[in-house]
PDB file of N, CA and C in Angstrom:
ATOM      1  N   UNK A   1      15.709   3.633   0.034  1.00  0.00           N
ATOM      2  CA  UNK A   1      14.279   3.807  -0.070  1.00  0.00           C
ATOM      3  C   UNK A   1      13.584   2.905   0.948  1.00  0.00           C
ATOM      4  N   UNK A   2      12.512   3.401   1.464  1.00  0.00           N
ATOM      5  CA  UNK A   2      11.726   2.651   2.439  1.00  0.00           C
ATOM      6  C   UNK A   2      10.550   1.972   1.744  1.00  0.00           C
ATOM      7  N   UNK A   3      10.037   0.912   2.365  1.00  0.00           N
ATOM      8  CA  UNK A   3       8.854   0.224   1.851  1.00  0.00           C
ATOM      9  C   UNK A   3       7.672   0.533   2.750  1.00  0.00           C
ATOM     10  N   UNK A   4       6.533   0.746   2.113  1.00  0.00           N
ATOM     11  CA  UNK A   4       5.279   0.970   2.820  1.00  0.00           C
ATOM     12  C   UNK A   4       4.258  -0.014   2.265  1.00  0.00           C
ATOM     13  N   UNK A   5       3.390  -0.476   3.133  1.00  0.00           N
ATOM     14  CA  UNK A   5       2.419  -1.507   2.783  1.00  0.00           C
ATOM     15  C   UNK A   5       1.017  -0.938   2.934  1.00  0.00           C
ATOM     16  N   UNK A   6       0.278  -0.916   1.836  1.00  0.00           N
ATOM     17  CA  UNK A   6      -1.090  -0.420   1.802  1.00  0.00           C
ATOM     18  C   UNK A   6      -1.980  -1.662   1.813  1.00  0.00           C
ATOM     19  N   UNK A   7      -2.640  -1.911   2.937  1.00  0.00           N
ATOM     20  CA  UNK A   7      -3.388  -3.152   3.100  1.00  0.00           C
ATOM     21  C   UNK A   7      -4.848  -2.970   2.732  1.00  0.00           C
ATOM     22  N   UNK A   8      -5.465  -4.092   2.335  1.00  0.00           N
ATOM     23  CA  UNK A   8      -6.872  -4.096   1.942  1.00  0.00           C
ATOM     24  C   UNK A   8      -7.627  -5.087   2.812  1.00  0.00           C
ATOM     25  N   UNK A   9      -8.804  -4.702   3.218  1.00  0.00           N
ATOM     26  CA  UNK A   9      -9.685  -5.622   3.918  1.00  0.00           C
ATOM     27  C   UNK A   9     -10.569  -6.328   2.917  1.00  0.00           C
ATOM     28  N   UNK A  10     -11.595  -6.923   3.424  1.00  0.00           N
ATOM     29  CA  UNK A  10     -12.534  -7.588   2.509  1.00  0.00           C
ATOM     30  C   UNK A  10     -13.892  -6.914   2.601  1.00  0.00           C
ATOM     31  N   UNK A  11     -14.532  -6.793   1.478  1.00  0.00           N
ATOM     32  CA  UNK A  11     -15.890  -6.285   1.457  1.00  0.00           C
ATOM     33  C   UNK A  11     -16.045  -4.802   1.171  1.00  0.00           C
ATOM     34  N   UNK A  12     -14.953  -4.036   1.088  1.00  0.00           N
ATOM     35  CA  UNK A  12     -15.072  -2.605   0.785  1.00  0.00           C
ATOM     36  C   UNK A  12     -14.847  -2.415  -0.710  1.00  0.00           C
ATOM     37  N   UNK A  13     -15.894  -2.084  -1.428  1.00  0.00           N
ATOM     38  CA  UNK A  13     -15.794  -1.975  -2.888  1.00  0.00           C
ATOM     39  C   UNK A  13     -14.965  -0.778  -3.342  1.00  0.00           C
ATOM     40  N   UNK A  14     -14.618   0.127  -2.422  1.00  0.00           N
ATOM     41  CA  UNK A  14     -13.777   1.271  -2.798  1.00  0.00           C
ATOM     42  C   UNK A  14     -12.335   0.848  -3.030  1.00  0.00           C
ATOM     43  N   UNK A  15     -11.914  -0.278  -2.463  1.00  0.00           N
ATOM     44  CA  UNK A  15     -10.530  -0.716  -2.592  1.00  0.00           C
ATOM     45  C   UNK A  15     -10.271  -1.249  -3.997  1.00  0.00           C
ATOM     46  N   UNK A  16      -9.085  -1.003  -4.549  1.00  0.00           N
ATOM     47  CA  UNK A  16      -8.776  -1.547  -5.875  1.00  0.00           C
ATOM     48  C   UNK A  16      -8.647  -3.068  -5.856  1.00  0.00           C
ATOM     49  N   UNK A  17      -8.342  -3.637  -4.683  1.00  0.00           N
ATOM     50  CA  UNK A  17      -8.232  -5.084  -4.512  1.00  0.00           C
ATOM     51  C   UNK A  17      -8.956  -5.463  -3.230  1.00  0.00           C
ATOM     52  N   UNK A  18      -9.341  -6.690  -3.131  1.00  0.00           N
ATOM     53  CA  UNK A  18      -9.886  -7.219  -1.890  1.00  0.00           C
ATOM     54  C   UNK A  18      -8.801  -8.095  -1.259  1.00  0.00           C
ATOM     55  N   UNK A  19      -8.548  -7.883   0.017  1.00  0.00           N
ATOM     56  CA  UNK A  19      -7.541  -8.649   0.751  1.00  0.00           C
ATOM     57  C   UNK A  19      -6.133  -8.335   0.221  1.00  0.00           C
ATOM     58  N   UNK A  20      -5.126  -8.805   0.893  1.00  0.00           N
ATOM     59  CA  UNK A  20      -3.758  -8.589   0.456  1.00  0.00           C
ATOM     60  C   UNK A  20      -3.289  -7.159   0.656  1.00  0.00           C
ATOM     61  N   UNK A  21      -2.289  -6.751  -0.142  1.00  0.00           N
ATOM     62  CA  UNK A  21      -1.706  -5.424   0.015  1.00  0.00           C
ATOM     63  C   UNK A  21      -0.973  -4.992  -1.244  1.00  0.00           C
ATOM     64  N   UNK A  22      -0.628  -3.716  -1.279  1.00  0.00           N
ATOM     65  CA  UNK A  22       0.257  -3.146  -2.298  1.00  0.00           C
ATOM     66  C   UNK A  22       1.521  -2.693  -1.583  1.00  0.00           C
ATOM     67  N   UNK A  23       2.661  -2.919  -2.197  1.00  0.00           N
ATOM     68  CA  UNK A  23       3.927  -2.434  -1.655  1.00  0.00           C
ATOM     69  C   UNK A  23       4.321  -1.174  -2.423  1.00  0.00           C
ATOM     70  N   UNK A  24       4.706  -0.151  -1.693  1.00  0.00           N
ATOM     71  CA  UNK A  24       5.162   1.084  -2.330  1.00  0.00           C
ATOM     72  C   UNK A  24       6.545   1.402  -1.783  1.00  0.00           C
ATOM     73  N   UNK A  25       7.505   1.560  -2.678  1.00  0.00           N
ATOM     74  CA  UNK A  25       8.866   1.908  -2.298  1.00  0.00           C
ATOM     75  C   UNK A  25       9.068   3.386  -2.609  1.00  0.00           C
ATOM     76  N   UNK A  26       9.383   4.152  -1.563  1.00  0.00           N
ATOM     77  CA  UNK A  26       9.505   5.600  -1.700  1.00  0.00           C
ATOM     78  C   UNK A  26      10.417   6.135  -0.605  1.00  0.00           C
ATOM     79  N   UNK A  27      10.888   7.381  -0.735  1.00  0.00           N
ATOM     80  CA  UNK A  27      11.797   7.927   0.279  1.00  0.00           C
ATOM     81  C   UNK A  27      11.136   8.175   1.634  1.00  0.00           C
ATOM     82  N   UNK A  28       9.805   8.393   1.648  1.00  0.00           N
ATOM     83  CA  UNK A  28       9.106   8.642   2.911  1.00  0.00           C
ATOM     84  C   UNK A  28       7.617   8.327   2.725  1.00  0.00           C
ATOM     85  N   UNK A  29       6.869   8.369   3.834  1.00  0.00           N
ATOM     86  CA  UNK A  29       5.459   7.981   3.765  1.00  0.00           C
ATOM     87  C   UNK A  29       4.633   8.939   2.912  1.00  0.00           C
ATOM     88  N   UNK A  30       4.929  10.219   2.986  1.00  0.00           N
ATOM     89  CA  UNK A  30       4.171  11.176   2.171  1.00  0.00           C
ATOM     90  C   UNK A  30       4.339  10.866   0.684  1.00  0.00           C
ATOM     91  N   UNK A  31       5.565  10.619   0.261  1.00  0.00           N
ATOM     92  CA  UNK A  31       5.817  10.286  -1.145  1.00  0.00           C
ATOM     93  C   UNK A  31       5.136   8.966  -1.515  1.00  0.00           C
ATOM     94  N   UNK A  32       5.125   8.010  -0.595  1.00  0.00           N
ATOM     95  CA  UNK A  32       4.465   6.727  -0.844  1.00  0.00           C
ATOM     96  C   UNK A  32       2.965   6.924  -1.024  1.00  0.00           C
ATOM     97  N   UNK A  33       2.365   7.741  -0.170  1.00  0.00           N
ATOM     98  CA  UNK A  33       0.929   8.018  -0.296  1.00  0.00           C
ATOM     99  C   UNK A  33       0.621   8.711  -1.621  1.00  0.00           C
ATOM    100  N   UNK A  34       1.464   9.646  -2.016  1.00  0.00           N
ATOM    101  CA  UNK A  34       1.242  10.358  -3.274  1.00  0.00           C
ATOM    102  C   UNK A  34       1.384   9.410  -4.473  1.00  0.00           C
ATOM    103  N   UNK A  35       2.351   8.508  -4.403  1.00  0.00           N
ATOM    104  CA  UNK A  35       2.518   7.530  -5.484  1.00  0.00           C
ATOM    105  C   UNK A  35       1.312   6.604  -5.562  1.00  0.00           C
ATOM    106  N   UNK A  36       0.831   6.159  -4.404  1.00  0.00           N
ATOM    107  CA  UNK A  36      -0.344   5.290  -4.367  1.00  0.00           C
ATOM    108  C   UNK A  36      -1.554   6.012  -4.962  1.00  0.00           C
ATOM    109  N   UNK A  37      -1.731   7.276  -4.585  1.00  0.00           N
ATOM    110  CA  UNK A  37      -2.863   8.051  -5.105  1.00  0.00           C
ATOM    111  C   UNK A  37      -2.742   8.313  -6.607  1.00  0.00           C
ATOM    112  N   UNK A  38      -1.519   8.385  -7.120  1.00  0.00           N
ATOM    113  CA  UNK A  38      -1.337   8.573  -8.561  1.00  0.00           C
ATOM    114  C   UNK A  38      -1.834   7.349  -9.326  1.00  0.00           C
ATOM    115  N   UNK A  39      -1.684   6.177  -8.743  1.00  0.00           N
ATOM    116  CA  UNK A  39      -2.131   4.938  -9.374  1.00  0.00           C
ATOM    117  C   UNK A  39      -3.607   4.667  -9.078  1.00  0.00           C
ATOM    118  N   UNK A  40      -4.014   4.954  -7.840  1.00  0.00           N
ATOM    119  CA  UNK A  40      -5.385   4.690  -7.390  1.00  0.00           C
ATOM    120  C   UNK A  40      -5.995   5.984  -6.851  1.00  0.00           C
ATOM    121  N   UNK A  41      -6.417   6.899  -7.728  1.00  0.00           N
ATOM    122  CA  UNK A  41      -6.975   8.172  -7.261  1.00  0.00           C
ATOM    123  C   UNK A  41      -8.229   7.968  -6.419  1.00  0.00           C
ATOM    124  N   UNK A  42      -8.379   8.803  -5.414  1.00  0.00           N
ATOM    125  CA  UNK A  42      -9.544   8.745  -4.534  1.00  0.00           C
ATOM    126  C   UNK A  42     -10.473   9.909  -4.829  1.00  0.00           C
ATOM    127  N   UNK A  43     -11.772   9.692  -4.720  1.00  0.00           N
ATOM    128  CA  UNK A  43     -12.712  10.807  -4.859  1.00  0.00           C
ATOM    129  C   UNK A  43     -12.488  11.823  -3.743  1.00  0.00           C
ATOM    130  N   UNK A  44     -12.972  13.051  -3.909  1.00  0.00           N
ATOM    131  CA  UNK A  44     -12.821  14.056  -2.861  1.00  0.00           C
ATOM    132  C   UNK A  44     -13.347  13.550  -1.515  1.00  0.00           C
ATOM    133  N   UNK A  45     -12.687  13.936  -0.472  1.00  0.00           N
ATOM    134  CA  UNK A  45     -13.038  13.624   0.911  1.00  0.00           C
ATOM    135  C   UNK A  45     -12.715  12.187   1.327  1.00  0.00           C
ATOM    136  N   UNK A  46     -12.147  11.392   0.437  1.00  0.00           N
ATOM    137  CA  UNK A  46     -11.660  10.063   0.831  1.00  0.00           C
ATOM    138  C   UNK A  46     -10.169  10.194   1.012  1.00  0.00           C
ATOM    139  N   UNK A  47      -9.628   9.495   1.973  1.00  0.00           N
ATOM    140  CA  UNK A  47      -8.189   9.536   2.188  1.00  0.00           C
ATOM    141  C   UNK A  47      -7.497   8.670   1.136  1.00  0.00           C
ATOM    142  N   UNK A  48      -7.553   7.379   1.301  1.00  0.00           N
ATOM    143  CA  UNK A  48      -6.919   6.447   0.376  1.00  0.00           C
ATOM    144  C   UNK A  48      -7.846   5.275   0.127  1.00  0.00           C
ATOM    145  N   UNK A  49      -7.619   4.593  -0.966  1.00  0.00           N
ATOM    146  CA  UNK A  49      -8.376   3.374  -1.265  1.00  0.00           C
ATOM    147  C   UNK A  49      -7.705   2.171  -0.606  1.00  0.00           C
ATOM    148  N   UNK A  50      -7.513   2.223   0.693  1.00  0.00           N
ATOM    149  CA  UNK A  50      -6.926   1.098   1.402  1.00  0.00           C
ATOM    150  C   UNK A  50      -7.365   1.152   2.860  1.00  0.00           C
ATOM    151  N   UNK A  51      -7.071   0.090   3.586  1.00  0.00           N
ATOM    152  CA  UNK A  51      -7.471   0.015   4.983  1.00  0.00           C
ATOM    153  C   UNK A  51      -6.440   0.669   5.893  1.00  0.00           C
ATOM    154  N   UNK A  52      -5.176   0.292   5.744  1.00  0.00           N
ATOM    155  CA  UNK A  52      -4.112   0.868   6.575  1.00  0.00           C
ATOM    156  C   UNK A  52      -2.845   1.040   5.746  1.00  0.00           C
ATOM    157  N   UNK A  53      -1.977   1.926   6.223  1.00  0.00           N
ATOM    158  CA  UNK A  53      -0.649   2.100   5.646  1.00  0.00           C
ATOM    159  C   UNK A  53       0.343   1.765   6.747  1.00  0.00           C
ATOM    160  N   UNK A  54       1.226   0.812   6.468  1.00  0.00           N
ATOM    161  CA  UNK A  54       2.192   0.357   7.460  1.00  0.00           C
ATOM    162  C   UNK A  54       3.615   0.553   6.948  1.00  0.00           C
ATOM    163  N   UNK A  55       4.526   0.879   7.862  1.00  0.00           N
ATOM    164  CA  UNK A  55       5.941   0.879   7.507  1.00  0.00           C
ATOM    165  C   UNK A  55       6.399  -0.578   7.408  1.00  0.00           C
ATOM    166  N   UNK A  56       7.577  -0.798   6.891  1.00  0.00           N
ATOM    167  CA  UNK A  56       8.088  -2.165   6.784  1.00  0.00           C
ATOM    168  C   UNK A  56       8.211  -2.806   8.168  1.00  0.00           C
ATOM    169  N   UNK A  57       8.658  -2.037   9.148  1.00  0.00           N
ATOM    170  CA  UNK A  57       8.800  -2.559  10.507  1.00  0.00           C
ATOM    171  C   UNK A  57       7.440  -2.945  11.091  1.00  0.00           C
ATOM    172  N   UNK A  58       6.450  -2.089  10.899  1.00  0.00           N
ATOM    173  CA  UNK A  58       5.103  -2.394  11.390  1.00  0.00           C
ATOM    174  C   UNK A  58       4.538  -3.618  10.692  1.00  0.00           C
ATOM    175  N   UNK A  59       4.759  -3.705   9.382  1.00  0.00           N
ATOM    176  CA  UNK A  59       4.248  -4.842   8.612  1.00  0.00           C
ATOM    177  C   UNK A  59       4.873  -6.145   9.092  1.00  0.00           C
ATOM    178  N   UNK A  60       6.176  -6.133   9.365  1.00  0.00           N
ATOM    179  CA  UNK A  60       6.866  -7.345   9.816  1.00  0.00           C
ATOM    180  C   UNK A  60       6.335  -7.836  11.159  1.00  0.00           C
ATOM    181  N   UNK A  61       5.713  -6.957  11.933  1.00  0.00           N
ATOM    182  CA  UNK A  61       5.145  -7.326  13.231  1.00  0.00           C
ATOM    183  C   UNK A  61       3.737  -7.896  13.119  1.00  0.00           C
ATOM    184  N   UNK A  62       3.199  -8.000  11.906  1.00  0.00           N
ATOM    185  CA  UNK A  62       1.836  -8.514  11.726  1.00  0.00           C
ATOM    186  C   UNK A  62       1.871  -9.953  11.228  1.00  0.00           C
ATOM    187  N   UNK A  63       0.751 -10.623  11.371  1.00  0.00           N
ATOM    188  CA  UNK A  63       0.629 -11.977  10.823  1.00  0.00           C
ATOM    189  C   UNK A  63       0.658 -11.972   9.304  1.00  0.00           C
ATOM    190  N   UNK A  64       0.278 -10.844   8.692  1.00  0.00           N
ATOM    191  CA  UNK A  64       0.238 -10.773   7.233  1.00  0.00           C
ATOM    192  C   UNK A  64       1.601 -11.056   6.619  1.00  0.00           C
ATOM    193  N   UNK A  65       2.671 -10.647   7.284  1.00  0.00           N
ATOM    194  CA  UNK A  65       4.002 -10.743   6.687  1.00  0.00           C
ATOM    195  C   UNK A  65       4.414 -12.186   6.389  1.00  0.00           C
ATOM    196  N   UNK A  66       3.847 -13.146   7.101  1.00  0.00           N
ATOM    197  CA  UNK A  66       4.196 -14.535   6.804  1.00  0.00           C
ATOM    198  C   UNK A  66       2.985 -15.439   6.613  1.00  0.00           C
ATOM    199  N   UNK A  67       1.792 -14.924   6.847  1.00  0.00           N
ATOM    200  CA  UNK A  67       0.611 -15.769   6.766  1.00  0.00           C
ATOM    201  C   UNK A  67      -0.404 -15.275   5.731  1.00  0.00           C
ATOM    202  N   UNK A  68      -0.191 -14.146   5.139  1.00  0.00           N
ATOM    203  CA  UNK A  68      -1.087 -13.525   4.152  1.00  0.00           C
ATOM    204  C   UNK A  68      -2.182 -12.719   4.847  1.00  0.00           C
ATOM    205  N   UNK A  69      -2.956 -12.006   4.059  1.00  0.00           N
ATOM    206  CA  UNK A  69      -4.027 -11.139   4.547  1.00  0.00           C
ATOM    207  C   UNK A  69      -5.327 -11.645   3.942  1.00  0.00           C
ATOM    208  N   UNK A  70      -6.133 -12.318   4.744  1.00  0.00           N
ATOM    209  CA  UNK A  70      -7.359 -12.956   4.252  1.00  0.00           C
ATOM    210  C   UNK A  70      -7.035 -13.861   3.055  1.00  0.00           C
ATOM    211  N   UNK A  71      -5.971 -14.626   3.170  1.00  0.00           N
ATOM    212  CA  UNK A  71      -5.540 -15.607   2.167  1.00  0.00           C
ATOM    213  C   UNK A  71      -5.035 -14.968   0.876  1.00  0.00           C
ATOM    214  N   UNK A  72      -4.649 -13.702   0.930  1.00  0.00           N
ATOM    215  CA  UNK A  72      -4.110 -13.057  -0.262  1.00  0.00           C
ATOM    216  C   UNK A  72      -2.826 -12.325   0.102  1.00  0.00           C
ATOM    217  N   UNK A  73      -1.991 -12.105  -0.867  1.00  0.00           N
ATOM    218  CA  UNK A  73      -0.690 -11.477  -0.637  1.00  0.00           C
ATOM    219  C   UNK A  73      -0.556 -10.203  -1.468  1.00  0.00           C
ATOM    220  N   UNK A  74       0.661  -9.884  -1.853  1.00  0.00           N
ATOM    221  CA  UNK A  74       0.957  -8.649  -2.578  1.00  0.00           C
ATOM    222  C   UNK A  74       0.314  -8.663  -3.969  1.00  0.00           C
ATOM    223  N   UNK A  75      -0.406  -7.593  -4.283  1.00  0.00           N
ATOM    224  CA  UNK A  75      -1.045  -7.455  -5.592  1.00  0.00           C
ATOM    225  C   UNK A  75      -0.176  -6.669  -6.572  1.00  0.00           C
ATOM    226  N   UNK A  76       0.613  -5.720  -6.049  1.00  0.00           N
ATOM    227  CA  UNK A  76       1.405  -4.867  -6.940  1.00  0.00           C
ATOM    228  C   UNK A  76       2.534  -4.218  -6.148  1.00  0.00           C
ATOM    229  N   UNK A  77       3.568  -3.811  -6.872  1.00  0.00           N
ATOM    230  CA  UNK A  77       4.668  -3.055  -6.285  1.00  0.00           C
ATOM    231  C   UNK A  77       4.800  -1.757  -7.061  1.00  0.00           C
ATOM    232  N   UNK A  78       4.722  -0.666  -6.344  1.00  0.00           N
ATOM    233  CA  UNK A  78       4.858   0.671  -6.933  1.00  0.00           C
ATOM    234  C   UNK A  78       6.180   1.223  -6.425  1.00  0.00           C
ATOM    235  N   UNK A  79       7.033   1.667  -7.334  1.00  0.00           N
ATOM    236  CA  UNK A  79       8.357   2.156  -6.945  1.00  0.00           C
ATOM    237  C   UNK A  79       8.604   3.527  -7.542  1.00  0.00           C
ATOM    238  N   UNK A  80       9.032   4.456  -6.685  1.00  0.00           N
ATOM    239  CA  UNK A  80       9.460   5.770  -7.155  1.00  0.00           C
ATOM    240  C   UNK A  80      10.961   5.722  -7.395  1.00  0.00           C
ATOM    241  N   UNK A  81      11.393   6.226  -8.530  1.00  0.00           N
ATOM    242  CA  UNK A  81      12.828   6.295  -8.803  1.00  0.00           C
ATOM    243  C   UNK A  81      13.176   7.708  -9.276  1.00  0.00           C
ATOM    244  N   UNK A  82      14.380   8.091  -8.972  1.00  0.00           N
ATOM    245  CA  UNK A  82      14.892   9.377  -9.416  1.00  0.00           C
ATOM    246  C   UNK A  82      16.211   9.100 -10.112  1.00  0.00           C
ATOM    247  N   UNK A  83      16.298   9.528 -11.354  1.00  0.00           N
ATOM    248  CA  UNK A  83      17.536   9.350 -12.103  1.00  0.00           C
ATOM    249  C   UNK A  83      18.050  10.717 -12.504  1.00  0.00           C
ATOM    250  N   UNK A  84      19.164  11.085 -11.966  1.00  0.00           N
ATOM    251  CA  UNK A  84      19.773  12.370 -12.306  1.00  0.00           C
ATOM    252  C   UNK A  84      20.713  12.190 -13.481  1.00  0.00           C
ATOM    253  N   UNK A  85      20.592  13.078 -14.454  1.00  0.00           N
ATOM    254  CA  UNK A  85      21.438  12.956 -15.652  1.00  0.00           C
ATOM    255  C   UNK A  85      22.221  14.220 -15.880  1.00  0.00           C
TER     256      UNK A  85
END
């Protein structure tokens, strides 16, 4: 499973959190976006309640990965799992 990082800026009241990010573990970005929207639904015509969506590689290339995002870090981890029985 891949990790995707949904980042938040400061000052946008549409975001579920201010600053920091949410981590979503999913098989691909589309599934990650759908999982995020299941937890944080957006009104019509809005894309997502976040500033950017980054892959793990993109996130590791940012200052956020070791310095935080506006002095805040991860707020939640959303994980998709599939259990075949």
